[in-house]
Amino acid sequence: MLDRRREESVNLEMRTTPSPNTSALDAFIARKAELDAALCRLQRLSDDFFGVSPDDVTWGHVTELADYCRALKQITDQALREAEYAP
């Protein structure tokens, strides 16, 4: 009987005590939402040809996009564990 009460107490505690990673999970979800929003904004900008008319594209625009590509490659390599971040 005592063991059963102890088990019930442990089960109740497990259900009511927040997990130690609750605040980490909340922060993770917030950062993920921030990242998702940034990705959406970038996609909209890309869909809009980065705000440049095709007739007005210059080598400066090409350089700007190359910079974006380099930064995004670093991010994707890190996130996907590729290139220098590969295990």
N, C-alpha and C. Protein backbone atom coordinates (compact mmCIF):
# COMPACT_ATOMS: atom_id res chain seq x y z
N MET A 1 0.83 -1.20 0.00
CA MET A 1 0.00 0.00 0.00
C MET A 1 0.87 1.26 0.00
N LEU A 2 1.94 1.25 0.82
CA LEU A 2 2.83 2.40 0.90
C LEU A 2 3.51 2.64 -0.44
N ASP A 3 3.93 1.56 -1.09
CA ASP A 3 4.56 1.70 -2.41
C ASP A 3 3.60 2.29 -3.41
N ARG A 4 2.35 1.89 -3.36
CA ARG A 4 1.35 2.42 -4.29
C ARG A 4 1.15 3.92 -4.07
N ARG A 5 1.10 4.35 -2.78
CA ARG A 5 0.95 5.79 -2.49
C ARG A 5 2.18 6.57 -2.98
N ARG A 6 3.35 6.01 -2.77
CA ARG A 6 4.57 6.67 -3.23
C ARG A 6 4.53 6.79 -4.76
N GLU A 7 4.12 5.74 -5.44
CA GLU A 7 4.02 5.75 -6.91
C GLU A 7 3.01 6.80 -7.37
N GLU A 8 1.85 6.88 -6.70
CA GLU A 8 0.85 7.88 -7.05
C GLU A 8 1.39 9.28 -6.82
N SER A 9 2.14 9.47 -5.75
CA SER A 9 2.73 10.77 -5.45
C SER A 9 3.73 11.17 -6.53
N VAL A 10 4.56 10.22 -6.94
CA VAL A 10 5.53 10.49 -7.99
C VAL A 10 4.81 10.81 -9.29
N ASN A 11 3.79 10.04 -9.63
CA ASN A 11 3.03 10.28 -10.86
C ASN A 11 2.37 11.65 -10.84
N LEU A 12 1.79 12.04 -9.70
CA LEU A 12 1.16 13.34 -9.57
C LEU A 12 2.20 14.44 -9.73
N GLU A 13 3.35 14.26 -9.10
CA GLU A 13 4.42 15.26 -9.20
C GLU A 13 4.89 15.40 -10.64
N MET A 14 5.00 14.30 -11.35
CA MET A 14 5.44 14.34 -12.74
C MET A 14 4.44 15.09 -13.61
N ARG A 15 3.17 14.98 -13.28
CA ARG A 15 2.15 15.66 -14.08
C ARG A 15 2.05 17.14 -13.76
N THR A 16 2.36 17.54 -12.54
CA THR A 16 2.15 18.92 -12.14
C THR A 16 3.42 19.76 -12.12
N THR A 17 4.58 19.13 -12.01
CA THR A 17 5.83 19.87 -11.97
C THR A 17 6.29 20.14 -13.40
N PRO A 18 6.52 21.42 -13.72
CA PRO A 18 6.98 21.71 -15.08
C PRO A 18 8.34 21.06 -15.33
N SER A 19 8.52 20.63 -16.53
CA SER A 19 9.79 20.00 -16.89
C SER A 19 10.90 21.05 -16.83
N PRO A 20 12.12 20.63 -16.52
CA PRO A 20 13.23 21.60 -16.41
C PRO A 20 13.49 22.34 -17.72
N ASN A 21 13.07 21.76 -18.84
CA ASN A 21 13.35 22.42 -20.11
C ASN A 21 12.19 23.29 -20.59
N THR A 22 11.19 23.52 -19.75
CA THR A 22 10.04 24.32 -20.16
C THR A 22 10.46 25.70 -20.64
N SER A 23 11.30 26.39 -19.89
CA SER A 23 11.70 27.73 -20.31
C SER A 23 12.59 27.66 -21.55
N ALA A 24 13.41 26.61 -21.67
CA ALA A 24 14.22 26.44 -22.88
C ALA A 24 13.31 26.19 -24.08
N LEU A 25 12.29 25.38 -23.89
CA LEU A 25 11.34 25.10 -24.97
C LEU A 25 10.61 26.38 -25.39
N ASP A 26 10.18 27.16 -24.41
CA ASP A 26 9.51 28.43 -24.72
C ASP A 26 10.43 29.35 -25.52
N ALA A 27 11.69 29.43 -25.11
CA ALA A 27 12.65 30.27 -25.82
C ALA A 27 12.91 29.73 -27.22
N PHE A 28 13.00 28.40 -27.35
CA PHE A 28 13.21 27.77 -28.66
C PHE A 28 12.06 28.09 -29.59
N ILE A 29 10.85 27.96 -29.10
CA ILE A 29 9.66 28.25 -29.92
C ILE A 29 9.64 29.71 -30.34
N ALA A 30 10.00 30.60 -29.44
CA ALA A 30 10.05 32.03 -29.78
C ALA A 30 11.10 32.30 -30.85
N ARG A 31 12.28 31.71 -30.72
CA ARG A 31 13.34 31.90 -31.73
C ARG A 31 12.95 31.29 -33.06
N LYS A 32 12.28 30.14 -33.01
CA LYS A 32 11.83 29.50 -34.25
C LYS A 32 10.83 30.40 -34.96
N ALA A 33 9.93 31.00 -34.22
CA ALA A 33 8.95 31.92 -34.82
C ALA A 33 9.67 33.11 -35.44
N GLU A 34 10.69 33.61 -34.76
CA GLU A 34 11.49 34.72 -35.28
C GLU A 34 12.18 34.32 -36.60
N LEU A 35 12.74 33.13 -36.62
CA LEU A 35 13.41 32.63 -37.83
C LEU A 35 12.40 32.42 -38.96
N ASP A 36 11.26 31.82 -38.64
CA ASP A 36 10.23 31.60 -39.66
C ASP A 36 9.76 32.91 -40.27
N ALA A 37 9.60 33.93 -39.43
CA ALA A 37 9.18 35.24 -39.93
C ALA A 37 10.24 35.84 -40.86
N ALA A 38 11.51 35.71 -40.48
CA ALA A 38 12.59 36.23 -41.32
C ALA A 38 12.63 35.49 -42.66
N LEU A 39 12.45 34.18 -42.63
CA LEU A 39 12.43 33.39 -43.87
C LEU A 39 11.28 33.82 -44.77
N CYS A 40 10.12 34.07 -44.19
CA CYS A 40 8.96 34.54 -44.97
C CYS A 40 9.25 35.89 -45.61
N ARG A 41 9.86 36.78 -44.84
CA ARG A 41 10.19 38.11 -45.38
C ARG A 41 11.19 37.99 -46.53
N LEU A 42 12.19 37.14 -46.37
CA LEU A 42 13.16 36.94 -47.44
C LEU A 42 12.51 36.33 -48.68
N GLN A 43 11.59 35.39 -48.47
CA GLN A 43 10.92 34.78 -49.61
C GLN A 43 10.07 35.81 -50.35
N ARG A 44 9.38 36.67 -49.61
CA ARG A 44 8.58 37.72 -50.26
C ARG A 44 9.49 38.67 -51.05
N LEU A 45 10.64 39.02 -50.46
CA LEU A 45 11.58 39.90 -51.15
C LEU A 45 12.11 39.23 -52.42
N SER A 46 12.42 37.96 -52.33
CA SER A 46 12.89 37.21 -53.49
C SER A 46 11.80 37.14 -54.56
N ASP A 47 10.57 36.86 -54.13
CA ASP A 47 9.45 36.80 -55.07
C ASP A 47 9.26 38.14 -55.79
N ASP A 48 9.64 39.22 -55.14
CA ASP A 48 9.54 40.56 -55.71
C ASP A 48 10.84 40.96 -56.42
N PHE A 49 11.67 39.95 -56.75
CA PHE A 49 12.91 40.18 -57.48
C PHE A 49 13.83 41.13 -56.72
N PHE A 50 13.78 41.02 -55.40
CA PHE A 50 14.59 41.84 -54.49
C PHE A 50 14.39 43.34 -54.73
N GLY A 51 13.18 43.69 -55.13
CA GLY A 51 12.83 45.10 -55.29
C GLY A 51 13.46 45.79 -56.48
N VAL A 52 14.00 45.00 -57.41
CA VAL A 52 14.67 45.58 -58.57
C VAL A 52 13.94 45.13 -59.83
N SER A 53 13.69 46.06 -60.70
CA SER A 53 13.11 45.72 -62.00
C SER A 53 14.16 44.96 -62.81
N PRO A 54 13.77 43.91 -63.51
CA PRO A 54 14.75 43.17 -64.32
C PRO A 54 15.55 44.06 -65.26
N ASP A 55 14.93 45.13 -65.75
CA ASP A 55 15.64 46.05 -66.65
C ASP A 55 16.67 46.91 -65.93
N ASP A 56 16.58 46.99 -64.60
CA ASP A 56 17.46 47.86 -63.84
C ASP A 56 18.58 47.12 -63.10
N VAL A 57 18.69 45.82 -63.29
CA VAL A 57 19.70 45.03 -62.58
C VAL A 57 21.11 45.47 -63.00
N THR A 58 21.95 45.67 -61.98
CA THR A 58 23.35 46.04 -62.22
C THR A 58 24.25 45.00 -61.55
N TRP A 59 25.57 45.12 -61.80
CA TRP A 59 26.51 44.23 -61.15
C TRP A 59 26.52 44.44 -59.64
N GLY A 60 26.12 45.61 -59.19
CA GLY A 60 25.99 45.86 -57.76
C GLY A 60 24.93 44.95 -57.15
N HIS A 61 23.83 44.75 -57.87
CA HIS A 61 22.77 43.86 -57.39
C HIS A 61 23.27 42.41 -57.34
N VAL A 62 24.07 42.04 -58.34
CA VAL A 62 24.63 40.69 -58.37
C VAL A 62 25.54 40.48 -57.15
N THR A 63 26.36 41.47 -56.86
CA THR A 63 27.26 41.39 -55.70
C THR A 63 26.46 41.29 -54.41
N GLU A 64 25.40 42.08 -54.32
CA GLU A 64 24.55 42.04 -53.13
C GLU A 64 23.95 40.64 -52.93
N LEU A 65 23.44 40.05 -54.02
CA LEU A 65 22.88 38.70 -53.90
C LEU A 65 23.95 37.67 -53.57
N ALA A 66 25.16 37.85 -54.10
CA ALA A 66 26.26 36.93 -53.76
C ALA A 66 26.56 37.00 -52.26
N ASP A 67 26.50 38.19 -51.69
CA ASP A 67 26.70 38.34 -50.25
C ASP A 67 25.61 37.60 -49.48
N TYR A 68 24.37 37.75 -49.92
CA TYR A 68 23.25 37.04 -49.27
C TYR A 68 23.47 35.54 -49.36
N CYS A 69 23.87 35.07 -50.54
CA CYS A 69 24.08 33.63 -50.74
C CYS A 69 25.17 33.10 -49.83
N ARG A 70 26.25 33.85 -49.68
CA ARG A 70 27.34 33.43 -48.78
C ARG A 70 26.85 33.31 -47.34
N ALA A 71 26.11 34.31 -46.90
CA ALA A 71 25.59 34.29 -45.52
C ALA A 71 24.61 33.13 -45.33
N LEU A 72 23.74 32.92 -46.29
CA LEU A 72 22.77 31.82 -46.19
C LEU A 72 23.44 30.46 -46.27
N LYS A 73 24.50 30.35 -47.07
CA LYS A 73 25.23 29.09 -47.15
C LYS A 73 25.85 28.75 -45.80
N GLN A 74 26.40 29.75 -45.13
CA GLN A 74 26.97 29.50 -43.81
C GLN A 74 25.89 29.00 -42.85
N ILE A 75 24.73 29.62 -42.90
CA ILE A 75 23.62 29.22 -42.03
C ILE A 75 23.15 27.81 -42.37
N THR A 76 22.94 27.53 -43.66
CA THR A 76 22.44 26.20 -44.03
C THR A 76 23.49 25.13 -43.75
N ASP A 77 24.77 25.43 -44.00
CA ASP A 77 25.82 24.46 -43.69
C ASP A 77 25.81 24.12 -42.20
N GLN A 78 25.67 25.14 -41.38
CA GLN A 78 25.66 24.91 -39.93
C GLN A 78 24.40 24.14 -39.52
N ALA A 79 23.25 24.56 -40.01
CA ALA A 79 21.99 23.92 -39.62
C ALA A 79 21.90 22.47 -40.11
N LEU A 80 22.44 22.22 -41.31
CA LEU A 80 22.34 20.88 -41.90
C LEU A 80 23.60 20.05 -41.66
N ARG A 81 24.53 20.60 -40.89
CA ARG A 81 25.78 19.90 -40.56
C ARG A 81 26.53 19.48 -41.83
N GLU A 82 26.72 20.45 -42.71
CA GLU A 82 27.43 20.23 -43.96
C GLU A 82 28.71 21.05 -44.00
N ALA A 83 29.54 20.79 -45.03
CA ALA A 83 30.79 21.51 -45.24
C ALA A 83 31.63 21.48 -43.96
N GLU A 84 32.08 22.64 -43.49
CA GLU A 84 32.96 22.67 -42.32
C GLU A 84 32.26 22.23 -41.03
N TYR A 85 30.93 22.17 -41.05
CA TYR A 85 30.18 21.77 -39.85
C TYR A 85 29.83 20.29 -39.85
N ALA A 86 30.25 19.58 -40.91
CA ALA A 86 29.94 18.14 -41.00
C ALA A 86 30.64 17.40 -39.87
N PRO A 87 29.97 16.41 -39.35
CA PRO A 87 30.58 15.64 -38.23
C PRO A 87 31.80 14.85 -38.69
